[in-house]
């Protein structure tokens, strides 16, 4: 029997609705819970919705799950807290997630200058074609250039142009882009 993701999601939603309907209103888990009358805030869009509404891709499933998870891996005490409690991470993770958000923002801004409407990574693909290497190898070369800038910083204690933070962000972004184009290359 083949089950699609949408069928599985519908079955899970039905089971959750049935369980919540059977939970007495005075149950401690129901404190503050209001039954949604509209689509849940962090719902996963159907394939059809994703094709017509690209904004649904902005809320990844894992983000929703992390927002519902408490630090010890146990869901919040009440259903109402699930969508209102901020994610709880181990020390250092908030800063890491903030850097990931910074990378996301940087990528979106830079693709306006370097990409084209049809392909945000067009510059990566085109420059790799010029030197006849796969696009992921072109990213590795760009990362090597950024590493050279860091070597200069370590040796001289300063750099003339982009600072250390910008260079590290560029390396991380190129690594992510390399992974994207490597996966395309490997699957195609």
N, C-alpha and C. Protein backbone atom coordinates (compact mmCIF):
# COMPACT_ATOMS: atom_id res chain seq x y z
N UNK A 1 0.84 -1.18 0.00
CA UNK A 1 0.00 0.00 0.00
C UNK A 1 0.88 1.25 0.00
N UNK A 2 0.67 2.12 -0.97
CA UNK A 2 1.43 3.35 -1.06
C UNK A 2 0.64 4.47 -0.39
N UNK A 3 1.30 5.18 0.50
CA UNK A 3 0.67 6.31 1.19
C UNK A 3 1.48 7.56 0.89
N UNK A 4 0.79 8.59 0.44
CA UNK A 4 1.49 9.84 0.16
C UNK A 4 1.68 10.62 1.45
N UNK A 5 2.56 11.59 1.39
CA UNK A 5 2.80 12.46 2.53
C UNK A 5 1.52 13.18 2.93
N UNK A 6 0.74 13.63 1.94
CA UNK A 6 -0.50 14.33 2.25
C UNK A 6 -1.50 13.41 2.94
N UNK A 7 -1.57 12.14 2.51
CA UNK A 7 -2.47 11.18 3.15
C UNK A 7 -2.02 10.91 4.58
N UNK A 8 -0.72 10.76 4.77
CA UNK A 8 -0.19 10.53 6.12
C UNK A 8 -0.45 11.72 7.02
N UNK A 9 -0.24 12.92 6.50
CA UNK A 9 -0.48 14.14 7.28
C UNK A 9 -1.95 14.25 7.66
N UNK A 10 -2.83 13.93 6.71
CA UNK A 10 -4.27 13.99 7.00
C UNK A 10 -4.64 13.00 8.09
N UNK A 11 -4.05 11.80 8.05
CA UNK A 11 -4.33 10.79 9.07
C UNK A 11 -3.85 11.25 10.44
N UNK A 12 -2.68 11.85 10.48
CA UNK A 12 -2.15 12.35 11.76
C UNK A 12 -3.02 13.48 12.29
N UNK A 13 -3.40 14.43 11.40
CA UNK A 13 -4.27 15.53 11.83
C UNK A 13 -5.58 14.99 12.38
N UNK A 14 -6.15 13.99 11.71
CA UNK A 14 -7.42 13.41 12.17
C UNK A 14 -7.25 12.76 13.54
N UNK A 15 -6.14 12.04 13.73
CA UNK A 15 -5.89 11.39 15.02
C UNK A 15 -5.72 12.42 16.14
N UNK A 16 -5.00 13.50 15.86
CA UNK A 16 -4.80 14.55 16.86
C UNK A 16 -6.13 15.22 17.18
N UNK A 17 -6.91 15.53 16.16
CA UNK A 17 -8.22 16.16 16.38
C UNK A 17 -9.11 15.26 17.22
N UNK A 18 -9.12 13.97 16.92
CA UNK A 18 -9.93 13.01 17.68
C UNK A 18 -9.48 12.97 19.14
N UNK A 19 -8.18 12.94 19.35
CA UNK A 19 -7.65 12.88 20.72
C UNK A 19 -7.99 14.15 21.49
N UNK A 20 -7.83 15.30 20.83
CA UNK A 20 -8.13 16.56 21.51
C UNK A 20 -9.61 16.69 21.79
N UNK A 21 -10.46 16.21 20.87
CA UNK A 21 -11.90 16.26 21.10
C UNK A 21 -12.29 15.39 22.29
N UNK A 22 -11.56 14.33 22.52
CA UNK A 22 -11.85 13.42 23.63
C UNK A 22 -11.25 13.90 24.94
N UNK A 23 -10.38 14.92 24.90
CA UNK A 23 -9.75 15.44 26.11
C UNK A 23 -10.70 16.40 26.80
N UNK A 24 -11.01 16.17 28.07
CA UNK A 24 -11.93 17.07 28.79
C UNK A 24 -11.38 18.49 28.83
N UNK A 25 -12.26 19.45 28.77
CA UNK A 25 -11.87 20.87 28.77
C UNK A 25 -11.14 21.26 30.04
N UNK A 26 -11.39 20.54 31.16
CA UNK A 26 -10.72 20.89 32.41
C UNK A 26 -9.39 20.17 32.59
N UNK A 27 -8.97 19.40 31.58
CA UNK A 27 -7.66 18.73 31.63
C UNK A 27 -6.58 19.81 31.65
N UNK A 28 -5.56 19.67 32.51
CA UNK A 28 -4.50 20.70 32.59
C UNK A 28 -3.85 21.01 31.25
N UNK A 29 -3.79 20.05 30.34
CA UNK A 29 -3.16 20.30 29.04
C UNK A 29 -3.97 21.27 28.19
N UNK A 30 -5.26 21.41 28.51
CA UNK A 30 -6.12 22.26 27.69
C UNK A 30 -6.14 23.72 28.16
N UNK A 31 -5.42 24.04 29.24
CA UNK A 31 -5.40 25.39 29.77
C UNK A 31 -4.90 26.37 28.70
N UNK A 32 -5.74 27.34 28.37
CA UNK A 32 -5.36 28.36 27.41
C UNK A 32 -5.47 27.97 25.95
N UNK A 33 -5.83 26.72 25.68
CA UNK A 33 -5.91 26.27 24.29
C UNK A 33 -7.20 26.77 23.65
N UNK A 34 -7.07 27.30 22.45
CA UNK A 34 -8.23 27.72 21.67
C UNK A 34 -8.20 26.93 20.38
N UNK A 35 -9.27 26.25 20.08
CA UNK A 35 -9.34 25.44 18.87
C UNK A 35 -9.15 26.33 17.66
N UNK A 36 -8.25 25.97 16.77
CA UNK A 36 -8.02 26.82 15.59
C UNK A 36 -9.21 26.78 14.65
N UNK A 37 -9.57 27.93 14.13
CA UNK A 37 -10.65 28.00 13.16
C UNK A 37 -10.09 28.20 11.75
N UNK A 38 -8.80 28.43 11.69
CA UNK A 38 -8.14 28.61 10.41
C UNK A 38 -6.97 27.66 10.33
N UNK A 39 -6.28 27.73 9.21
CA UNK A 39 -5.10 26.89 9.00
C UNK A 39 -4.07 27.17 10.09
N UNK A 40 -3.47 26.13 10.68
CA UNK A 40 -2.47 26.35 11.73
C UNK A 40 -1.35 27.27 11.25
N UNK A 41 -0.80 28.03 12.19
CA UNK A 41 0.24 29.01 11.86
C UNK A 41 1.44 28.38 11.19
N UNK A 42 1.85 27.20 11.62
CA UNK A 42 3.04 26.56 11.09
C UNK A 42 2.70 25.32 10.27
N UNK A 43 1.59 25.33 9.57
CA UNK A 43 1.21 24.12 8.85
C UNK A 43 2.13 23.89 7.67
N UNK A 44 2.19 22.66 7.24
CA UNK A 44 2.98 22.29 6.09
C UNK A 44 2.06 22.36 4.89
N UNK A 45 2.44 23.14 3.90
CA UNK A 45 1.60 23.32 2.73
C UNK A 45 1.64 22.08 1.85
N UNK A 46 0.56 21.89 1.11
CA UNK A 46 0.54 20.80 0.15
C UNK A 46 1.44 21.17 -1.01
N UNK A 47 1.76 20.19 -1.84
CA UNK A 47 2.60 20.44 -3.00
C UNK A 47 1.98 21.51 -3.88
N UNK A 48 0.67 21.44 -4.06
CA UNK A 48 -0.03 22.42 -4.89
C UNK A 48 0.09 23.82 -4.30
N UNK A 49 -0.07 23.94 -2.98
CA UNK A 49 0.05 25.25 -2.33
C UNK A 49 1.46 25.79 -2.47
N UNK A 50 2.48 24.91 -2.35
CA UNK A 50 3.87 25.36 -2.48
C UNK A 50 4.15 25.90 -3.87
N UNK A 51 3.51 25.31 -4.89
CA UNK A 51 3.75 25.77 -6.25
C UNK A 51 3.11 27.12 -6.49
N UNK A 52 1.99 27.41 -5.82
CA UNK A 52 1.33 28.69 -6.03
C UNK A 52 1.73 29.74 -5.01
N UNK A 53 2.18 29.31 -3.82
CA UNK A 53 2.54 30.24 -2.76
C UNK A 53 3.91 29.88 -2.22
N UNK A 54 4.93 30.55 -2.73
CA UNK A 54 6.31 30.23 -2.35
C UNK A 54 6.60 30.60 -0.89
N UNK A 55 5.78 31.44 -0.26
CA UNK A 55 6.05 31.86 1.12
C UNK A 55 5.94 30.71 2.10
N UNK A 56 5.20 29.64 1.74
CA UNK A 56 5.06 28.52 2.67
C UNK A 56 6.38 27.83 2.92
N UNK A 57 7.32 27.96 1.99
CA UNK A 57 8.64 27.34 2.17
C UNK A 57 9.48 28.10 3.21
N UNK A 58 9.02 29.30 3.62
CA UNK A 58 9.77 30.08 4.59
C UNK A 58 9.67 29.53 6.01
N UNK A 59 8.75 28.61 6.27
CA UNK A 59 8.59 28.05 7.62
C UNK A 59 8.86 26.56 7.54
N UNK A 60 10.13 26.18 7.66
CA UNK A 60 10.46 24.77 7.54
C UNK A 60 9.86 23.95 8.67
N UNK A 61 9.58 22.70 8.38
CA UNK A 61 8.97 21.79 9.35
C UNK A 61 9.84 21.70 10.60
N UNK A 62 11.14 21.59 10.44
CA UNK A 62 12.02 21.41 11.60
C UNK A 62 11.92 22.61 12.54
N UNK A 63 11.77 23.83 11.97
CA UNK A 63 11.63 25.02 12.80
C UNK A 63 10.38 24.90 13.68
N UNK A 64 9.29 24.43 13.09
CA UNK A 64 8.06 24.25 13.85
C UNK A 64 8.27 23.24 14.97
N UNK A 65 8.94 22.15 14.67
CA UNK A 65 9.18 21.13 15.69
C UNK A 65 10.08 21.66 16.79
N UNK A 66 11.11 22.41 16.43
CA UNK A 66 12.01 22.96 17.43
C UNK A 66 11.29 23.97 18.32
N UNK A 67 10.38 24.74 17.74
CA UNK A 67 9.65 25.72 18.53
C UNK A 67 8.76 25.05 19.54
N UNK A 68 8.32 23.83 19.26
CA UNK A 68 7.44 23.11 20.17
C UNK A 68 8.21 22.30 21.19
N UNK A 69 9.51 22.20 21.04
CA UNK A 69 10.29 21.32 21.90
C UNK A 69 10.90 22.10 23.06
N UNK A 70 10.81 21.55 24.24
CA UNK A 70 11.45 22.16 25.39
C UNK A 70 12.89 21.64 25.46
N UNK A 71 13.69 22.23 26.32
CA UNK A 71 15.11 21.89 26.40
C UNK A 71 15.39 20.44 26.71
N UNK A 72 14.50 19.76 27.42
CA UNK A 72 14.76 18.37 27.78
C UNK A 72 14.16 17.39 26.78
N UNK A 73 13.67 17.89 25.63
CA UNK A 73 13.10 17.01 24.62
C UNK A 73 11.66 16.65 24.87
N UNK A 74 11.03 17.23 25.89
CA UNK A 74 9.64 16.94 26.21
C UNK A 74 8.79 18.11 25.74
N UNK A 75 7.65 17.81 25.15
CA UNK A 75 6.77 18.88 24.70
C UNK A 75 6.26 19.68 25.89
N UNK A 76 5.85 20.91 25.63
CA UNK A 76 5.35 21.78 26.69
C UNK A 76 4.21 21.12 27.44
N UNK A 77 3.92 21.67 28.61
CA UNK A 77 2.90 21.10 29.49
C UNK A 77 1.48 21.27 28.97
N UNK A 78 1.21 22.38 28.28
CA UNK A 78 -0.15 22.60 27.78
C UNK A 78 -0.11 22.77 26.28
N UNK A 79 -1.22 22.45 25.64
CA UNK A 79 -1.32 22.60 24.19
C UNK A 79 -1.14 24.06 23.78
N UNK A 80 -1.63 24.98 24.60
CA UNK A 80 -1.54 26.40 24.27
C UNK A 80 -0.09 26.86 24.20
N UNK A 81 0.80 26.26 24.98
CA UNK A 81 2.21 26.67 24.99
C UNK A 81 2.95 26.23 23.73
N UNK A 82 2.44 25.25 23.03
CA UNK A 82 3.16 24.71 21.88
C UNK A 82 3.54 25.76 20.87
N UNK A 83 2.65 26.71 20.59
CA UNK A 83 2.94 27.72 19.59
C UNK A 83 3.38 29.04 20.17
N UNK A 84 3.51 29.15 21.51
CA UNK A 84 3.88 30.42 22.10
C UNK A 84 5.23 30.39 22.80
N UNK A 85 5.72 29.22 23.15
CA UNK A 85 7.00 29.14 23.86
C UNK A 85 8.15 29.26 22.87
N UNK A 86 9.14 30.10 23.17
CA UNK A 86 10.31 30.17 22.28
C UNK A 86 11.11 28.88 22.40
N UNK A 87 11.84 28.53 21.35
CA UNK A 87 12.65 27.32 21.43
C UNK A 87 13.69 27.44 22.54
N UNK A 88 13.97 26.34 23.20
CA UNK A 88 14.98 26.32 24.26
C UNK A 88 16.14 25.48 23.76
N UNK A 89 17.30 26.08 23.69
CA UNK A 89 18.48 25.40 23.19
C UNK A 89 19.52 25.30 24.31
N UNK A 90 20.51 24.49 24.06
CA UNK A 90 21.66 24.46 24.96
C UNK A 90 22.46 25.73 24.75
N UNK A 91 23.25 26.16 25.74
CA UNK A 91 24.05 27.38 25.60
C UNK A 91 24.91 27.33 24.33
N UNK A 92 24.93 28.44 23.62
CA UNK A 92 25.71 28.55 22.39
C UNK A 92 24.89 28.33 21.14
N UNK A 93 23.79 27.62 21.26
CA UNK A 93 22.99 27.32 20.08
C UNK A 93 22.26 28.55 19.56
N UNK A 94 21.79 29.42 20.45
CA UNK A 94 21.11 30.64 19.99
C UNK A 94 22.03 31.46 19.08
N UNK A 95 23.29 31.59 19.47
CA UNK A 95 24.25 32.35 18.65
C UNK A 95 24.47 31.66 17.31
N UNK A 96 24.54 30.33 17.31
CA UNK A 96 24.72 29.57 16.08
C UNK A 96 23.52 29.78 15.15
N UNK A 97 22.32 29.68 15.69
CA UNK A 97 21.11 29.87 14.89
C UNK A 97 21.05 31.30 14.36
N UNK A 98 21.51 32.27 15.14
CA UNK A 98 21.54 33.66 14.69
C UNK A 98 22.49 33.81 13.49
N UNK A 99 23.61 33.12 13.51
CA UNK A 99 24.54 33.16 12.37
C UNK A 99 23.89 32.53 11.14
N UNK A 100 23.16 31.44 11.33
CA UNK A 100 22.46 30.82 10.20
C UNK A 100 21.45 31.79 9.60
N UNK A 101 20.74 32.53 10.44
CA UNK A 101 19.80 33.53 9.95
C UNK A 101 20.54 34.65 9.22
N UNK A 102 21.70 35.03 9.74
CA UNK A 102 22.52 36.04 9.07
C UNK A 102 22.97 35.55 7.69
N UNK A 103 23.34 34.28 7.61
CA UNK A 103 23.72 33.69 6.32
C UNK A 103 22.55 33.69 5.35
N UNK A 104 21.38 33.35 5.86
CA UNK A 104 20.17 33.33 5.02
C UNK A 104 19.93 34.72 4.44
N UNK A 105 19.97 35.73 5.30
CA UNK A 105 19.74 37.10 4.86
C UNK A 105 20.80 37.54 3.86
N UNK A 106 22.06 37.23 4.15
CA UNK A 106 23.17 37.57 3.25
C UNK A 106 22.96 36.94 1.88
N UNK A 107 22.60 35.66 1.88
CA UNK A 107 22.39 34.94 0.61
C UNK A 107 21.26 35.60 -0.19
N UNK A 108 20.15 35.89 0.47
CA UNK A 108 19.02 36.48 -0.25
C UNK A 108 19.38 37.84 -0.83
N UNK A 109 20.16 38.64 -0.09
CA UNK A 109 20.58 39.95 -0.61
C UNK A 109 21.57 39.81 -1.76
N UNK A 110 22.55 38.93 -1.60
CA UNK A 110 23.59 38.81 -2.63
C UNK A 110 23.06 38.20 -3.92
N UNK A 111 22.06 37.32 -3.82
CA UNK A 111 21.55 36.73 -5.07
C UNK A 111 20.86 37.77 -5.93
N UNK A 112 20.45 38.90 -5.33
CA UNK A 112 19.87 39.98 -6.14
C UNK A 112 20.93 40.58 -7.06
N UNK A 113 22.19 40.61 -6.60
CA UNK A 113 23.27 41.17 -7.41
C UNK A 113 23.89 40.13 -8.34
N UNK A 114 23.99 38.89 -7.89
CA UNK A 114 24.75 37.89 -8.63
C UNK A 114 23.90 36.90 -9.43
N UNK A 115 22.72 36.59 -8.93
CA UNK A 115 21.88 35.61 -9.62
C UNK A 115 21.02 36.27 -10.68
N UNK A 116 20.18 35.48 -11.29
CA UNK A 116 19.17 35.98 -12.21
C UNK A 116 17.83 35.46 -11.72
N UNK A 117 16.75 36.04 -12.24
CA UNK A 117 15.43 35.65 -11.76
C UNK A 117 15.18 34.14 -11.86
N UNK A 118 15.70 33.53 -12.90
CA UNK A 118 15.46 32.10 -13.10
C UNK A 118 16.38 31.22 -12.27
N UNK A 119 17.49 31.77 -11.78
CA UNK A 119 18.47 30.96 -11.05
C UNK A 119 19.31 31.84 -10.13
N UNK A 120 19.06 31.73 -8.83
CA UNK A 120 19.80 32.53 -7.86
C UNK A 120 21.29 32.19 -7.84
N UNK A 121 21.65 31.01 -8.32
CA UNK A 121 23.05 30.57 -8.30
C UNK A 121 23.69 30.60 -9.69
N UNK A 122 23.13 31.40 -10.59
CA UNK A 122 23.63 31.47 -11.97
C UNK A 122 25.11 31.85 -12.02
N UNK A 123 25.52 32.79 -11.19
CA UNK A 123 26.92 33.21 -11.21
C UNK A 123 27.85 32.06 -10.83
N UNK A 124 27.45 31.23 -9.90
CA UNK A 124 28.27 30.09 -9.49
C UNK A 124 28.39 29.10 -10.65
N UNK A 125 27.27 28.82 -11.28
CA UNK A 125 27.27 27.87 -12.41
C UNK A 125 28.08 28.41 -13.60
N UNK A 126 27.87 29.69 -13.90
CA UNK A 126 28.55 30.29 -15.06
C UNK A 126 30.06 30.36 -14.87
N UNK A 127 30.50 30.77 -13.69
CA UNK A 127 31.95 30.88 -13.49
C UNK A 127 32.60 29.50 -13.48
N UNK A 128 31.90 28.49 -13.00
CA UNK A 128 32.44 27.13 -13.04
C UNK A 128 32.56 26.65 -14.48
N UNK A 129 31.60 27.02 -15.31
CA UNK A 129 31.67 26.64 -16.73
C UNK A 129 32.88 27.27 -17.41
N UNK A 130 33.22 28.50 -17.04
CA UNK A 130 34.36 29.20 -17.64
C UNK A 130 35.66 28.42 -17.43
N UNK A 131 35.83 27.84 -16.25
CA UNK A 131 37.06 27.10 -15.98
C UNK A 131 36.87 25.59 -16.10
N UNK A 132 35.70 25.19 -16.62
CA UNK A 132 35.40 23.78 -16.92
C UNK A 132 35.52 22.86 -15.71
N UNK A 133 34.88 23.27 -14.61
CA UNK A 133 34.79 22.43 -13.42
C UNK A 133 33.33 22.40 -12.97
N UNK A 134 32.95 21.38 -12.21
CA UNK A 134 31.58 21.38 -11.67
C UNK A 134 31.39 22.60 -10.75
N UNK A 135 30.17 23.05 -10.64
CA UNK A 135 29.88 24.25 -9.84
C UNK A 135 30.34 24.10 -8.39
N UNK A 136 30.21 22.90 -7.82
CA UNK A 136 30.64 22.73 -6.43
C UNK A 136 32.16 22.90 -6.31
N UNK A 137 32.91 22.49 -7.31
CA UNK A 137 34.36 22.69 -7.29
C UNK A 137 34.69 24.18 -7.38
N UNK A 138 33.90 24.92 -8.15
CA UNK A 138 34.08 26.37 -8.22
C UNK A 138 33.87 27.02 -6.86
N UNK A 139 32.90 26.51 -6.10
CA UNK A 139 32.67 27.04 -4.74
C UNK A 139 33.86 26.75 -3.84
N UNK A 140 34.43 25.57 -3.98
CA UNK A 140 35.59 25.21 -3.16
C UNK A 140 36.76 26.15 -3.49
N UNK A 141 36.93 26.49 -4.76
CA UNK A 141 37.99 27.44 -5.14
C UNK A 141 37.75 28.81 -4.50
N UNK A 142 36.51 29.25 -4.51
CA UNK A 142 36.18 30.53 -3.88
C UNK A 142 36.44 30.47 -2.38
N UNK A 143 36.14 29.33 -1.76
CA UNK A 143 36.42 29.16 -0.33
C UNK A 143 37.92 29.22 -0.08
N UNK A 144 38.71 28.66 -1.00
CA UNK A 144 40.17 28.70 -0.85
C UNK A 144 40.67 30.14 -0.89
N UNK A 145 40.08 30.97 -1.76
CA UNK A 145 40.45 32.39 -1.80
C UNK A 145 40.15 33.06 -0.46
N UNK A 146 39.00 32.74 0.10
CA UNK A 146 38.63 33.33 1.40
C UNK A 146 39.58 32.83 2.50
N UNK A 147 39.97 31.59 2.43
CA UNK A 147 40.92 31.05 3.40
C UNK A 147 42.26 31.77 3.30
N UNK A 148 42.66 32.11 2.09
CA UNK A 148 43.91 32.85 1.90
C UNK A 148 43.82 34.21 2.58
N UNK A 149 42.66 34.84 2.50
CA UNK A 149 42.47 36.12 3.17
C UNK A 149 42.64 35.94 4.68
N UNK A 150 42.10 34.85 5.24
CA UNK A 150 42.27 34.59 6.67
C UNK A 150 43.74 34.35 7.02
N UNK A 151 44.45 33.63 6.14
CA UNK A 151 45.89 33.40 6.39
C UNK A 151 46.62 34.73 6.46
N UNK A 152 46.26 35.66 5.58
CA UNK A 152 46.88 36.99 5.61
C UNK A 152 46.58 37.70 6.91
N UNK A 153 45.34 37.57 7.38
CA UNK A 153 44.97 38.18 8.65
C UNK A 153 45.80 37.58 9.79
N UNK A 154 45.95 36.26 9.81
CA UNK A 154 46.72 35.61 10.87
C UNK A 154 48.19 36.08 10.83
N UNK A 155 48.71 36.26 9.64
CA UNK A 155 50.11 36.65 9.47
C UNK A 155 50.33 38.13 9.79
N UNK A 156 49.46 39.00 9.29
CA UNK A 156 49.65 40.44 9.42
C UNK A 156 48.82 41.09 10.53
N UNK A 157 47.77 40.39 10.98
CA UNK A 157 46.91 40.96 12.01
C UNK A 157 45.86 41.92 11.48
N UNK A 158 45.77 42.05 10.17
CA UNK A 158 44.75 42.89 9.55
C UNK A 158 44.54 42.47 8.10
N UNK A 159 43.40 42.87 7.55
CA UNK A 159 43.14 42.66 6.13
C UNK A 159 42.68 43.99 5.55
N UNK A 160 42.96 44.21 4.28
CA UNK A 160 42.67 45.48 3.64
C UNK A 160 41.19 45.66 3.29
N UNK A 161 40.52 44.59 2.94
CA UNK A 161 39.15 44.73 2.45
C UNK A 161 38.17 44.08 3.42
N UNK A 162 37.49 43.04 3.00
CA UNK A 162 36.50 42.41 3.88
C UNK A 162 37.15 41.97 5.17
N UNK A 163 36.47 42.21 6.27
CA UNK A 163 37.00 41.83 7.57
C UNK A 163 36.88 40.33 7.81
N UNK A 164 37.33 39.91 8.96
CA UNK A 164 37.32 38.50 9.33
C UNK A 164 35.89 37.96 9.37
N UNK A 165 34.98 38.72 9.98
CA UNK A 165 33.60 38.23 10.07
C UNK A 165 32.99 38.04 8.69
N UNK A 166 33.16 39.02 7.80
CA UNK A 166 32.63 38.89 6.44
C UNK A 166 33.24 37.69 5.73
N UNK A 167 34.52 37.49 5.93
CA UNK A 167 35.21 36.36 5.29
C UNK A 167 34.67 35.03 5.80
N UNK A 168 34.48 34.92 7.10
CA UNK A 168 33.94 33.68 7.66
C UNK A 168 32.51 33.43 7.17
N UNK A 169 31.71 34.48 7.09
CA UNK A 169 30.35 34.34 6.55
C UNK A 169 30.39 33.88 5.10
N UNK A 170 31.30 34.46 4.31
CA UNK A 170 31.43 34.05 2.91
C UNK A 170 31.81 32.58 2.79
N UNK A 171 32.74 32.13 3.62
CA UNK A 171 33.16 30.72 3.58
C UNK A 171 31.98 29.82 3.90
N UNK A 172 31.22 30.16 4.94
CA UNK A 172 30.06 29.36 5.32
C UNK A 172 29.02 29.35 4.20
N UNK A 173 28.78 30.51 3.59
CA UNK A 173 27.81 30.58 2.50
C UNK A 173 28.27 29.75 1.31
N UNK A 174 29.55 29.87 0.95
CA UNK A 174 30.05 29.06 -0.17
C UNK A 174 29.97 27.57 0.13
N UNK A 175 30.19 27.19 1.37
CA UNK A 175 30.07 25.77 1.74
C UNK A 175 28.63 25.29 1.53
N UNK A 176 27.67 26.10 1.95
CA UNK A 176 26.26 25.73 1.77
C UNK A 176 25.90 25.67 0.28
N UNK A 177 26.35 26.66 -0.48
CA UNK A 177 26.08 26.67 -1.92
C UNK A 177 26.74 25.46 -2.58
N UNK A 178 27.98 25.15 -2.16
CA UNK A 178 28.67 23.98 -2.72
C UNK A 178 27.86 22.71 -2.47
N UNK A 179 27.29 22.59 -1.29
CA UNK A 179 26.48 21.41 -0.99
C UNK A 179 25.25 21.35 -1.88
N UNK A 180 24.59 22.49 -2.09
CA UNK A 180 23.41 22.52 -2.96
C UNK A 180 23.77 22.09 -4.37
N UNK A 181 24.81 22.67 -4.95
CA UNK A 181 25.14 22.34 -6.34
C UNK A 181 25.79 20.96 -6.44
N UNK A 182 26.46 20.50 -5.39
CA UNK A 182 26.99 19.12 -5.38
C UNK A 182 25.83 18.12 -5.43
N UNK A 183 24.82 18.37 -4.62
CA UNK A 183 23.66 17.45 -4.61
C UNK A 183 22.96 17.45 -5.97
N UNK A 184 22.87 18.63 -6.60
CA UNK A 184 22.29 18.69 -7.96
C UNK A 184 23.13 17.86 -8.91
N UNK A 185 24.44 18.04 -8.83
CA UNK A 185 25.38 17.33 -9.70
C UNK A 185 25.28 15.81 -9.48
N UNK A 186 25.24 15.40 -8.23
CA UNK A 186 25.20 13.97 -7.90
C UNK A 186 23.89 13.31 -8.32
N UNK A 187 22.80 14.08 -8.28
CA UNK A 187 21.50 13.49 -8.62
C UNK A 187 21.18 13.58 -10.11
N UNK A 188 21.94 14.40 -10.83
CA UNK A 188 21.59 14.63 -12.23
C UNK A 188 22.50 14.00 -13.17
